């Protein structure tokens, strides 16, 4: 008896009769069918759409820096790394999500401003990250509790710290960088940075110092001397000029001590650097203490006479009293300072010597102060930084008997009156000078330039002057500046060997150039930008990697085709 399963069907395809619709017919019939609309689940009144708004790298950051050129250079590096990582650096503190405050510990007022800014940020519910010398020297201060801290030698890790601060975490990086037990100068020099002025590069040649001044808090933060190798400094200068910089400032806590820890010295570095300076561009030396410059007076005079080096040197004296200098542990006497100034004035005609003076240091007598007044009367320093003494916590000078506050104020006022009693530039009216134009004046009425002696000359605000060397006739002189009239038929000279970066653009960020050769901006999407240093990706390597990936994909496709 035939089974129910018995049939004449030999294969599954035989189940489809001749009259059945074909697959093509079935697909055509689907065109008239409309998909059923589905109602989206409505959010309940007490439900909120959960969005993660704390993705690091998407926030706006406002930066504030107090203090010296070294601090400003650190601030530029931190801003550059953050921008390269995707953060937006804003000049409006109100619109920022996080405030990065880079502090100075030299004087009480600077720290007061820093502390007040932290309080203001917290009142406005801003995230806060602190950096600079204050938290490095005193990380346990009450007003720093719970805040993220970037140490002065850890600025290359600013992105990590800010990432965590954005998430609400507190991170503190305060360690010292070492190599084989030797203390390093700090973060690498080839990191991305945003120059405050695209025409000026600030290079820290070393950090820390060899002194132990009894009033100085910076030593607690920056530590002992640690110098950068000459080749790294030369390479940084070379890159800066390629990016359109026309002026370089060398900075540190004491440039004169450069190289003593690595077997070289300041003149050796300077002679290497001047080889990299384009014609018309200039190099400015930073502060140097008298003890170390004494050993190199002959060489320093030759360097200051170089046409591409400003004949300018900042040599702090602090006091003209040997007894006060001894109490300060300054490691020189007033005759040493006089020798430095007299020698340079003789060998470098017209040289500008800037100096610092502290009024009311503990133990300073009226006679000591009179010695200081006589020194200023004799040299009539065109640039004089007058500081009333402030006892800094933790320093030896803070623990000694203080000069009464009203006496300190009186002496500070008297020295200031003396300084303002003479005009150092009156005799220069009528001179013809070459000046390098680098910035805009505070009142935005002029461009600011400097002559060979780094004296400030205000010139007309003409767009074609910016970043140029021009010739002017001095027609007016004030206490801190001169005014220059451009010489007719004299054409501005361009010292830059590259197109200057735009304001806010990241230095060291290599980007794909447009067909017209215009430089890209820091706002270019990250996947179109390549960074130098530890951020770098070699273009040839990327090209080879792309070829390898393409070949691998082709092989995989061939294998799949053969197997299936």
Protein backbone atom coordinates (compact mmCIF):
# COMPACT_ATOMS: atom_id res chain seq x y z
CA UNK A 1 0.00 0.00 0.00
CA UNK A 2 1.52 3.29 -0.99
CA UNK A 3 2.66 5.48 1.84
CA UNK A 4 1.28 8.98 2.35
CA UNK A 5 4.75 10.21 1.72
CA UNK A 6 5.10 8.48 -1.55
CA UNK A 7 5.07 10.92 -4.45
CA UNK A 8 6.56 11.57 -7.77
CA UNK A 9 8.57 14.53 -6.46
CA UNK A 10 12.23 13.90 -6.99
CA UNK A 11 13.54 17.21 -5.69
CA UNK A 12 12.35 20.13 -3.59
CA UNK A 13 12.13 22.39 -6.63
CA UNK A 14 9.42 20.12 -8.07
CA UNK A 15 7.04 21.33 -5.33
CA UNK A 16 6.60 24.59 -7.26
CA UNK A 17 4.01 24.21 -10.00
CA UNK A 18 4.15 25.84 -13.37
CA UNK A 19 1.31 28.22 -12.49
CA UNK A 20 2.77 29.43 -9.20
CA UNK A 21 3.99 33.06 -9.06
CA UNK A 22 7.66 33.51 -9.76
CA UNK A 23 9.99 35.25 -7.23
CA UNK A 24 10.01 38.27 -9.52
CA UNK A 25 6.20 38.44 -9.38
CA UNK A 26 6.20 38.18 -5.61
CA UNK A 27 8.78 41.00 -5.29
CA UNK A 28 6.75 43.26 -7.61
CA UNK A 29 3.61 42.70 -5.56
CA UNK A 30 5.42 43.99 -2.42
CA UNK A 31 5.69 47.48 -3.92
CA UNK A 32 2.03 48.20 -3.16
CA UNK A 33 2.42 47.24 0.49
CA UNK A 34 3.08 50.09 2.89
CA UNK A 35 4.94 49.39 6.15
CA UNK A 36 2.81 49.78 9.27
CA UNK A 37 3.79 52.88 11.21
CA UNK A 38 4.82 52.26 14.78
CA UNK A 39 4.21 54.74 17.56
CA UNK A 40 7.35 55.73 19.38
CA UNK A 41 7.22 55.19 23.06
CA UNK A 42 6.53 58.56 24.58
CA UNK A 43 8.80 59.64 27.41
CA UNK A 44 7.05 59.85 30.71
CA UNK A 45 6.92 63.32 32.27
CA UNK A 46 9.44 62.26 34.90
CA UNK A 47 11.83 60.69 32.39
CA UNK A 48 14.83 62.56 30.98
CA UNK A 49 16.86 61.74 27.92
CA UNK A 50 20.25 60.61 29.21
CA UNK A 51 23.09 62.25 27.26
CA UNK A 52 26.74 61.94 28.23
CA UNK A 53 27.96 65.55 28.08
CA UNK A 54 31.26 64.79 29.85
CA UNK A 55 33.18 63.32 26.96
CA UNK A 56 36.75 64.65 27.48
CA UNK A 57 38.12 66.71 24.62
CA UNK A 58 34.87 68.48 23.75
CA UNK A 59 34.89 71.22 26.36
CA UNK A 60 35.95 74.87 26.26
CA UNK A 61 38.93 75.87 28.40
CA UNK A 62 39.99 79.29 29.65
CA UNK A 63 43.63 79.75 30.64
CA UNK A 64 45.15 82.39 32.88
CA UNK A 65 48.89 82.70 33.49
CA UNK A 66 50.68 84.84 36.05
CA UNK A 67 54.39 85.52 36.37
CA UNK A 68 57.56 85.27 34.33
CA UNK A 69 58.32 84.35 30.73
CA UNK A 70 59.06 80.78 31.81
CA UNK A 71 55.53 80.48 33.19
CA UNK A 72 54.13 81.99 29.98
CA UNK A 73 56.03 79.44 27.91
CA UNK A 74 54.59 76.64 30.06
CA UNK A 75 51.12 78.09 29.52
CA UNK A 76 51.62 78.16 25.75
CA UNK A 77 52.64 74.50 25.75
CA UNK A 78 49.64 73.46 27.84
CA UNK A 79 47.23 75.37 25.59
CA UNK A 80 48.76 73.79 22.49
CA UNK A 81 48.43 70.24 23.75
CA UNK A 82 44.84 70.77 24.82
CA UNK A 83 43.88 72.31 21.47
CA UNK A 84 45.61 69.50 19.58
CA UNK A 85 43.61 67.02 21.69
CA UNK A 86 40.30 68.59 20.66
CA UNK A 87 39.61 71.07 23.45
CA UNK A 88 38.70 74.61 22.45
CA UNK A 89 40.76 77.36 24.06
CA UNK A 90 38.53 80.36 24.70
CA UNK A 91 39.33 83.92 25.77
CA UNK A 92 35.97 84.23 27.52
CA UNK A 93 36.07 82.77 31.06
CA UNK A 94 32.27 82.86 31.29
CA UNK A 95 31.73 80.44 28.40
CA UNK A 96 34.47 78.03 29.52
CA UNK A 97 33.68 74.66 31.08
CA UNK A 98 37.04 74.48 32.83
CA UNK A 99 39.55 77.06 34.06
CA UNK A 100 43.24 76.22 33.88
CA UNK A 101 45.07 78.58 36.25
CA UNK A 102 48.87 78.79 35.88
CA UNK A 103 50.27 80.43 39.01
CA UNK A 104 53.30 82.45 40.16
CA UNK A 105 54.74 82.25 43.68
CA UNK A 106 57.23 85.14 43.58
CA UNK A 107 55.08 87.66 45.47
CA UNK A 108 52.02 87.63 47.71
CA UNK A 109 49.80 89.70 45.34
CA UNK A 110 50.28 87.18 42.51
CA UNK A 111 49.24 84.30 44.76
CA UNK A 112 46.31 86.34 46.07
CA UNK A 113 45.03 86.84 42.50
CA UNK A 114 45.46 83.12 41.86
CA UNK A 115 43.53 82.14 45.00
CA UNK A 116 40.74 84.62 44.20
CA UNK A 117 40.42 83.18 40.70
CA UNK A 118 39.98 79.68 42.12
CA UNK A 119 37.23 80.96 44.40
CA UNK A 120 35.53 82.78 41.52
CA UNK A 121 35.63 79.66 39.34
CA UNK A 122 34.08 77.56 42.08
CA UNK A 123 31.35 80.12 42.62
CA UNK A 124 30.52 79.88 38.91
CA UNK A 125 30.47 76.06 39.05
CA UNK A 126 33.48 75.76 36.77
CA UNK A 127 35.86 72.82 36.77
CA UNK A 128 39.33 73.92 37.94
CA UNK A 129 42.85 72.67 37.21
CA UNK A 130 45.81 74.49 38.75
CA UNK A 131 49.40 74.62 37.55
CA UNK A 132 52.57 76.61 38.08
CA UNK A 133 54.81 77.32 41.03
CA UNK A 134 52.22 77.81 43.81
CA UNK A 135 50.73 74.28 43.84
CA UNK A 136 54.12 72.75 43.05
CA UNK A 137 55.68 74.40 46.11
CA UNK A 138 52.63 74.15 48.42
CA UNK A 139 50.27 71.40 47.21
CA UNK A 140 48.71 70.99 50.67
CA UNK A 141 47.34 74.50 50.95
CA UNK A 142 43.73 74.46 52.16
CA UNK A 143 42.37 76.31 49.11
CA UNK A 144 43.92 73.66 46.81
CA UNK A 145 42.13 70.73 48.44
CA UNK A 146 40.25 68.59 45.97
CA UNK A 147 41.71 70.37 42.92
CA UNK A 148 43.64 68.71 40.11
CA UNK A 149 47.28 69.85 39.93
CA UNK A 150 49.82 69.85 37.11
CA UNK A 151 53.42 70.07 38.32
CA UNK A 152 55.88 72.40 36.61
CA UNK A 153 57.71 69.40 35.11
CA UNK A 154 54.51 67.58 34.15
CA UNK A 155 53.01 70.02 31.65
CA UNK A 156 53.32 67.38 28.93
CA UNK A 157 50.55 65.45 30.74
CA UNK A 158 48.09 68.31 30.90
CA UNK A 159 45.59 66.52 28.64
CA UNK A 160 45.42 63.55 31.03
CA UNK A 161 44.83 65.80 34.02
CA UNK A 162 42.17 67.90 32.28
CA UNK A 163 40.43 64.75 30.98
CA UNK A 164 40.08 63.48 34.53
CA UNK A 165 39.06 66.88 35.91
CA UNK A 166 36.28 67.07 33.32
CA UNK A 167 34.98 63.74 34.63
CA UNK A 168 34.97 65.12 38.15
CA UNK A 169 38.10 63.34 39.33
CA UNK A 170 41.01 64.92 41.22
CA UNK A 171 44.48 64.18 39.83
CA UNK A 172 47.85 65.45 41.07
CA UNK A 173 51.05 65.10 39.05
CA UNK A 174 53.96 66.70 40.91
CA UNK A 175 56.91 64.41 40.17
CA UNK A 176 60.35 65.30 38.83
CA UNK A 177 61.54 64.09 35.44
CA UNK A 178 64.79 62.13 35.57
CA UNK A 179 66.97 60.18 33.17
CA UNK A 180 69.41 57.72 34.69
CA UNK A 181 69.18 59.53 38.01
CA UNK A 182 69.89 62.95 36.45
CA UNK A 183 67.18 65.56 36.77
CA UNK A 184 65.86 66.75 33.41
CA UNK A 185 64.91 70.28 32.42
CA UNK A 186 61.24 69.40 32.21
CA UNK A 187 58.79 68.59 29.44
CA UNK A 188 60.07 68.14 25.90
CA UNK A 189 60.53 71.24 23.77
CA UNK A 190 58.87 69.78 20.65
CA UNK A 191 55.38 69.63 22.15
CA UNK A 192 52.53 71.50 20.43
CA UNK A 193 51.97 75.02 21.75
CA UNK A 194 49.83 78.08 21.07
CA UNK A 195 51.99 81.19 21.12
CA UNK A 196 50.39 84.16 22.81
CA UNK A 197 52.08 86.20 20.09
CA UNK A 198 52.64 84.19 16.87
CA UNK A 199 55.70 86.33 16.13
CA UNK A 200 57.50 85.60 19.41
CA UNK A 201 58.80 82.23 20.57
CA UNK A 202 59.67 81.83 24.27
CA UNK A 203 62.22 79.05 24.88
CA UNK A 204 63.05 77.83 28.37
CA UNK A 205 66.72 76.86 28.22
CA UNK A 206 66.80 75.43 31.75
CA UNK A 207 64.69 75.19 34.84
CA UNK A 208 65.64 75.77 38.45
CA UNK A 209 68.84 77.46 39.63
CA UNK A 210 71.99 77.01 41.70
CA UNK A 211 71.17 79.67 44.28
CA UNK A 212 69.42 79.40 47.64
CA UNK A 213 68.15 82.96 48.11
CA UNK A 214 66.51 83.30 51.51
CA UNK A 215 63.45 85.15 50.15
CA UNK A 216 62.73 82.96 47.12
CA UNK A 217 59.77 80.61 46.96
CA UNK A 218 60.31 79.74 43.29
CA UNK A 219 63.26 77.55 44.25
CA UNK A 220 60.84 75.35 46.20
CA UNK A 221 58.87 74.83 43.01
CA UNK A 222 61.47 74.74 40.24
CA UNK A 223 64.27 73.09 42.23
CA UNK A 224 67.93 72.81 41.30
CA UNK A 225 69.39 73.61 37.90
CA UNK A 226 68.45 71.30 35.02
CA UNK A 227 69.44 72.35 31.49
CA UNK A 228 68.13 71.27 28.10
CA UNK A 229 70.72 69.91 25.63
CA UNK A 230 71.97 72.43 23.07
CA UNK A 231 70.74 70.39 20.09
CA UNK A 232 67.16 70.36 21.41
CA UNK A 233 67.22 74.12 21.92
CA UNK A 234 68.66 74.75 18.47
CA UNK A 235 66.04 72.50 16.88
CA UNK A 236 63.25 74.34 18.72
CA UNK A 237 64.58 77.68 17.47
CA UNK A 238 64.85 76.32 13.93
CA UNK A 239 61.24 75.10 13.97
CA UNK A 240 60.05 78.43 15.38
CA UNK A 241 61.60 80.41 12.55
CA UNK A 242 60.07 78.01 10.01
CA UNK A 243 56.68 78.88 11.54
CA UNK A 244 57.13 82.59 10.91
CA UNK A 245 58.55 83.69 14.26
CA UNK A 246 60.78 86.76 14.03
CA UNK A 247 61.83 87.11 17.69
CA UNK A 248 63.01 84.57 20.25
CA UNK A 249 63.17 85.08 24.00
CA UNK A 250 65.42 82.83 26.04
CA UNK A 251 64.10 82.36 29.55
CA UNK A 252 64.74 80.50 32.80
CA UNK A 253 65.16 81.18 36.50
CA UNK A 254 68.81 82.02 35.72
CA UNK A 255 70.02 81.89 32.11
CA UNK A 256 73.59 82.64 33.21
CA UNK A 257 73.82 79.29 34.98
CA UNK A 258 72.82 77.40 31.82
CA UNK A 259 74.80 74.25 31.09
CA UNK A 260 76.70 73.89 34.35
CA UNK A 261 74.91 70.60 35.01
CA UNK A 262 75.55 69.15 31.53
CA UNK A 263 79.12 70.30 30.88
CA UNK A 264 78.53 73.36 28.73
CA UNK A 265 77.77 77.09 29.19
CA UNK A 266 75.61 79.97 27.98
CA UNK A 267 78.01 81.47 25.39
CA UNK A 268 78.37 78.07 23.70
CA UNK A 269 74.59 77.84 23.36
CA UNK A 270 74.23 81.41 22.13
CA UNK A 271 76.84 81.03 19.39
CA UNK A 272 74.96 77.99 18.11
CA UNK A 273 71.61 79.79 18.22
CA UNK A 274 72.74 82.89 16.32
CA UNK A 275 73.56 80.64 13.36
CA UNK A 276 69.85 79.86 13.07
CA UNK A 277 68.55 83.44 13.28
CA UNK A 278 67.40 84.81 9.90
CA UNK A 279 68.48 88.28 8.86
CA UNK A 280 66.23 90.88 10.49
CA UNK A 281 65.04 88.51 13.24
CA UNK A 282 66.26 89.01 16.80
CA UNK A 283 67.20 87.07 19.93
CA UNK A 284 66.58 88.38 23.46
CA UNK A 285 68.41 87.02 26.48
CA UNK A 286 66.61 86.42 29.74
CA UNK A 287 67.54 87.18 33.34
CA UNK A 288 70.99 86.22 34.59
CA UNK A 289 72.38 86.59 38.10
CA UNK A 290 75.77 88.34 38.51
CA UNK A 291 77.84 85.36 39.78
CA UNK A 292 77.57 83.34 36.58
CA UNK A 293 77.81 86.11 34.03
CA UNK A 294 81.12 87.26 35.56
CA UNK A 295 82.89 84.23 34.11
CA UNK A 296 81.79 85.01 30.55
CA UNK A 297 81.94 88.80 30.27
CA UNK A 298 84.20 88.87 27.20
CA UNK A 299 82.09 86.36 25.26
CA UNK A 300 78.83 87.92 26.39
CA UNK A 301 79.96 91.33 25.15
CA UNK A 302 80.72 89.86 21.72
CA UNK A 303 77.34 88.14 21.60
CA UNK A 304 75.43 91.27 22.65
CA UNK A 305 77.17 93.15 19.84
CA UNK A 306 75.92 90.63 17.28
CA UNK A 307 73.47 92.34 14.87
CA UNK A 308 70.80 89.70 15.47
CA UNK A 309 70.99 89.79 19.27
CA UNK A 310 69.40 92.57 21.33
CA UNK A 311 72.00 94.55 23.32
CA UNK A 312 69.94 93.97 26.41
CA UNK A 313 70.58 92.10 29.64
CA UNK A 314 68.49 91.71 32.78
CA UNK A 315 70.84 91.47 35.80
CA UNK A 316 69.04 91.67 39.18
CA UNK A 317 70.98 93.47 41.92
CA UNK A 318 68.22 93.41 44.61
CA UNK A 319 70.23 95.67 46.96
CA UNK A 320 73.37 97.81 46.89
CA UNK A 321 74.28 96.79 50.45
CA UNK A 322 76.73 93.92 50.90
CA UNK A 323 75.26 93.09 54.29
CA UNK A 324 71.77 92.78 52.82
CA UNK A 325 73.09 90.73 49.90
CA UNK A 326 74.73 88.41 52.41
CA UNK A 327 71.48 88.02 54.33
CA UNK A 328 69.77 87.27 51.00
CA UNK A 329 72.49 84.68 50.16
CA UNK A 330 72.94 86.24 46.75
CA UNK A 331 76.54 84.96 46.40
CA UNK A 332 77.98 88.21 45.09
CA UNK A 333 78.87 91.65 46.42
CA UNK A 334 77.91 95.01 45.00
CA UNK A 335 81.33 95.41 43.40
CA UNK A 336 80.66 92.27 41.35
CA UNK A 337 77.46 93.79 40.02
CA UNK A 338 79.22 97.08 39.21
CA UNK A 339 81.92 95.19 37.36
CA UNK A 340 79.34 93.44 35.17
CA UNK A 341 77.51 96.68 34.33
CA UNK A 342 80.65 98.77 33.78
CA UNK A 343 82.26 96.14 31.54
CA UNK A 344 79.19 95.68 29.34
CA UNK A 345 78.60 99.42 29.07
CA UNK A 346 82.19 99.85 27.91
CA UNK A 347 82.27 96.94 25.45
CA UNK A 348 78.67 97.17 24.19
CA UNK A 349 77.96 100.86 23.52
CA UNK A 350 74.34 101.73 24.29
CA UNK A 351 73.60 98.41 26.01
CA UNK A 352 70.42 98.31 28.11
CA UNK A 353 70.86 96.91 31.61
CA UNK A 354 67.62 96.13 33.44
CA UNK A 355 67.67 95.28 37.13
CA UNK A 356 65.49 94.41 40.13
CA UNK A 357 65.49 95.91 43.63
CA UNK A 358 63.75 94.70 46.79
CA UNK A 359 62.79 97.40 49.29
CA UNK A 360 62.52 96.60 52.99
CA UNK A 361 64.26 93.25 53.14
CA UNK A 362 64.55 92.03 56.78
CA UNK A 363 67.49 93.75 58.45
CA UNK A 364 67.78 96.52 55.82
CA UNK A 365 68.84 99.73 57.54
CA UNK A 366 68.33 103.26 56.34
CA UNK A 367 72.01 103.36 55.39
CA UNK A 368 71.59 100.18 53.34
CA UNK A 369 68.67 101.76 51.52
CA UNK A 370 70.64 104.95 50.83
CA UNK A 371 73.33 102.79 49.14
CA UNK A 372 70.65 101.43 46.85
CA UNK A 373 69.40 104.93 46.02
CA UNK A 374 72.96 106.00 45.14
CA UNK A 375 73.34 103.02 42.82
CA UNK A 376 70.20 103.97 40.91
CA UNK A 377 71.27 107.63 40.74
CA UNK A 378 74.61 106.58 39.29
CA UNK A 379 73.39 104.17 36.59
CA UNK A 380 69.95 105.63 35.90
CA UNK A 381 68.64 102.23 34.84
CA UNK A 382 66.10 102.65 32.01
CA UNK A 383 64.27 99.53 33.18
CA UNK A 384 63.93 99.06 36.93
CA UNK A 385 61.64 96.54 38.66
CA UNK A 386 60.89 97.80 42.18
CA UNK A 387 59.46 95.27 44.62
CA UNK A 388 58.32 95.79 48.17
CA UNK A 389 59.48 92.81 50.23
CA UNK A 390 56.83 90.18 50.91
CA UNK A 391 57.66 87.30 53.27
CA UNK A 392 56.88 84.08 51.44
CA UNK A 393 55.76 81.13 53.60
CA UNK A 394 58.45 78.56 54.19
CA UNK A 395 61.39 80.78 53.27
CA UNK A 396 64.17 81.69 55.78
CA UNK A 397 63.52 85.43 55.28
CA UNK A 398 59.92 84.98 56.45
CA UNK A 399 61.12 83.74 59.82
CA UNK A 400 63.34 86.75 60.62
CA UNK A 401 62.38 90.08 62.14
CA UNK A 402 60.58 92.16 59.54
CA UNK A 403 61.02 95.80 58.59
CA UNK A 404 57.84 97.66 59.63
CA UNK A 405 55.24 97.78 56.85
CA UNK A 406 55.09 101.59 56.75
CA UNK A 407 58.89 101.75 56.34
CA UNK A 408 58.81 99.29 53.45
CA UNK A 409 56.11 101.32 51.73
CA UNK A 410 58.00 104.55 52.32
CA UNK A 411 61.20 103.17 50.81
CA UNK A 412 59.36 101.68 47.86
CA UNK A 413 57.72 105.05 47.18
CA UNK A 414 61.01 106.94 47.49
CA UNK A 415 62.81 104.64 45.06
CA UNK A 416 59.91 104.88 42.62
CA UNK A 417 60.04 108.67 42.77
CA UNK A 418 63.76 108.57 41.99
CA UNK A 419 63.19 106.25 39.04
CA UNK A 420 60.51 108.52 37.59
CA UNK A 421 62.67 111.63 38.04
CA UNK A 422 64.75 110.97 34.92
CA UNK A 423 63.90 110.28 31.28
CA UNK A 424 66.37 107.81 29.77
CA UNK A 425 65.43 108.38 26.13
CA UNK A 426 65.33 112.16 25.75
CA UNK A 427 68.76 112.25 24.10
CA UNK A 428 67.58 109.86 21.37
CA UNK A 429 65.06 112.20 19.81
CA UNK A 430 66.22 112.88 16.25
CA UNK A 431 67.99 109.54 15.84
CA UNK A 432 67.30 107.21 12.93
CA UNK A 433 66.87 103.59 14.00
CA UNK A 434 65.92 100.19 12.67
CA UNK A 435 63.16 98.58 14.73
CA UNK A 436 61.42 95.19 14.69
CA UNK A 437 57.61 95.41 14.95
CA UNK A 438 56.09 92.54 16.94
CA UNK A 439 52.85 93.53 18.70
CA UNK A 440 50.07 96.01 19.32
CA UNK A 441 50.14 98.60 22.11
CA UNK A 442 47.80 98.25 25.09
CA UNK A 443 45.65 101.15 23.90
CA UNK A 444 45.53 99.64 20.38
CA UNK A 445 46.64 102.98 18.92
CA UNK A 446 50.13 101.93 17.82
CA UNK A 447 52.29 98.99 16.95
CA UNK A 448 55.09 98.22 19.39
CA UNK A 449 58.60 97.69 18.09
CA UNK A 450 62.07 97.45 19.63
CA UNK A 451 65.40 98.78 18.47
CA UNK A 452 68.77 97.05 18.81
CA UNK A 453 68.87 97.91 22.54
CA UNK A 454 65.38 96.50 23.15
CA UNK A 455 64.02 99.96 23.80
CA UNK A 456 60.32 100.29 23.04
CA UNK A 457 59.44 102.36 19.98
CA UNK A 458 55.81 103.05 19.05
CA UNK A 459 55.13 103.23 15.31
CA UNK A 460 52.01 103.86 13.20
CA UNK A 461 49.56 100.99 13.11
CA UNK A 462 49.97 99.86 9.52
CA UNK A 463 49.23 96.25 8.63
CA UNK A 464 52.32 95.94 6.43
CA UNK A 465 54.58 96.75 9.44
CA UNK A 466 53.61 93.77 11.61
CA UNK A 467 56.46 91.29 11.88
CA UNK A 468 58.77 93.52 9.83
CA UNK A 469 62.01 95.38 10.38
CA UNK A 470 61.47 99.05 9.48
CA UNK A 471 63.50 102.26 9.60
CA UNK A 472 62.16 105.16 11.67
CA UNK A 473 63.07 108.65 12.84
CA UNK A 474 62.57 109.18 16.59
CA UNK A 475 60.46 112.30 17.13
CA UNK A 476 59.24 111.92 20.72
CA UNK A 477 60.39 110.27 23.94
CA UNK A 478 58.56 109.31 27.14
CA UNK A 479 59.58 107.52 30.31
CA UNK A 480 59.14 104.01 28.94
CA UNK A 481 59.00 104.49 25.18
CA UNK A 482 59.89 106.49 22.10
CA UNK A 483 57.81 107.25 19.05
CA UNK A 484 59.12 106.68 15.56
CA UNK A 485 58.07 108.04 12.18
CA UNK A 486 58.71 105.68 9.22
CA UNK A 487 61.44 106.92 6.89
CA UNK A 488 60.08 107.78 3.45
CA UNK A 489 61.07 105.43 0.63
CA UNK A 490 62.29 102.90 3.20
CA UNK A 491 60.68 99.52 2.56
CA UNK A 492 59.81 97.17 5.43
CA UNK A 493 62.07 94.12 5.56
CA UNK A 494 60.56 90.69 6.25
CA UNK A 495 62.79 88.59 8.50
CA UNK A 496 60.47 85.57 8.68
CA UNK A 497 61.41 82.58 6.54
CA UNK A 498 57.89 81.15 6.87
CA UNK A 499 54.32 82.42 6.99
CA UNK A 500 53.47 83.29 10.63
CA UNK A 501 50.82 81.15 12.27
CA UNK A 502 47.46 82.74 12.86
CA UNK A 503 46.53 83.76 16.40
CA UNK A 504 45.40 80.66 18.27
CA UNK A 505 46.92 78.25 15.74
CA UNK A 506 48.89 75.35 17.17
CA UNK A 507 52.65 75.34 16.69
CA UNK A 508 54.07 71.95 15.79
CA UNK A 509 50.79 70.74 14.28
CA UNK A 510 51.51 69.53 10.76
CA UNK A 511 48.43 69.68 8.57
CA UNK A 512 47.42 69.01 5.04
CA UNK A 513 47.88 72.22 3.09
CA UNK A 514 45.25 73.44 0.73
CA UNK A 515 46.07 73.70 -2.97
CA UNK A 516 46.75 77.41 -2.62
CA UNK A 517 49.35 76.81 0.07
CA UNK A 518 47.45 78.54 2.89
CA UNK A 519 48.27 77.11 6.31
CA UNK A 520 45.57 75.08 8.02
CA UNK A 521 44.14 76.09 11.36
CA UNK A 522 43.92 74.27 14.66
CA UNK A 523 40.21 73.80 14.06
CA UNK A 524 40.85 71.23 11.30
CA UNK A 525 39.31 67.87 12.32
CA UNK A 526 41.79 65.70 14.23
CA UNK A 527 41.83 62.96 11.57
CA UNK A 528 43.33 65.42 9.05
CA UNK A 529 46.15 66.52 11.31
CA UNK A 530 49.46 64.94 12.24
CA UNK A 531 51.43 65.99 15.30
CA UNK A 532 55.19 66.16 15.77
CA UNK A 533 57.14 64.55 18.58
CA UNK A 534 55.35 61.81 20.48
CA UNK A 535 52.19 62.82 18.63
CA UNK A 536 53.73 62.23 15.21
CA UNK A 537 52.88 59.71 12.53
CA UNK A 538 55.32 59.44 9.63
CA UNK A 539 53.52 60.14 6.36
CA UNK A 540 55.53 57.53 4.41
CA UNK A 541 54.76 54.97 7.08
CA UNK A 542 51.05 55.78 6.80
CA UNK A 543 51.24 55.42 3.02
CA UNK A 544 52.91 52.00 3.31
CA UNK A 545 50.42 50.95 5.97
CA UNK A 546 47.54 51.90 3.66
CA UNK A 547 49.02 49.82 0.83
CA UNK A 548 49.40 46.82 3.15
CA UNK A 549 45.79 47.11 4.30
CA UNK A 550 44.59 47.34 0.69
CA UNK A 551 46.60 44.23 -0.28
CA UNK A 552 45.30 42.33 2.74
CA UNK A 553 41.73 43.25 1.83
CA UNK A 554 42.26 42.06 -1.75
CA UNK A 555 43.71 38.72 -0.60
CA UNK A 556 40.84 38.21 1.83
CA UNK A 557 38.26 38.92 -0.89
CA UNK A 558 39.98 36.40 -3.20
CA UNK A 559 39.97 33.69 -0.52
CA UNK A 560 36.28 34.27 0.29
CA UNK A 561 35.36 34.06 -3.38
CA UNK A 562 37.20 30.73 -3.82
CA UNK A 563 35.85 29.16 -0.65
CA UNK A 564 32.24 30.17 -1.08
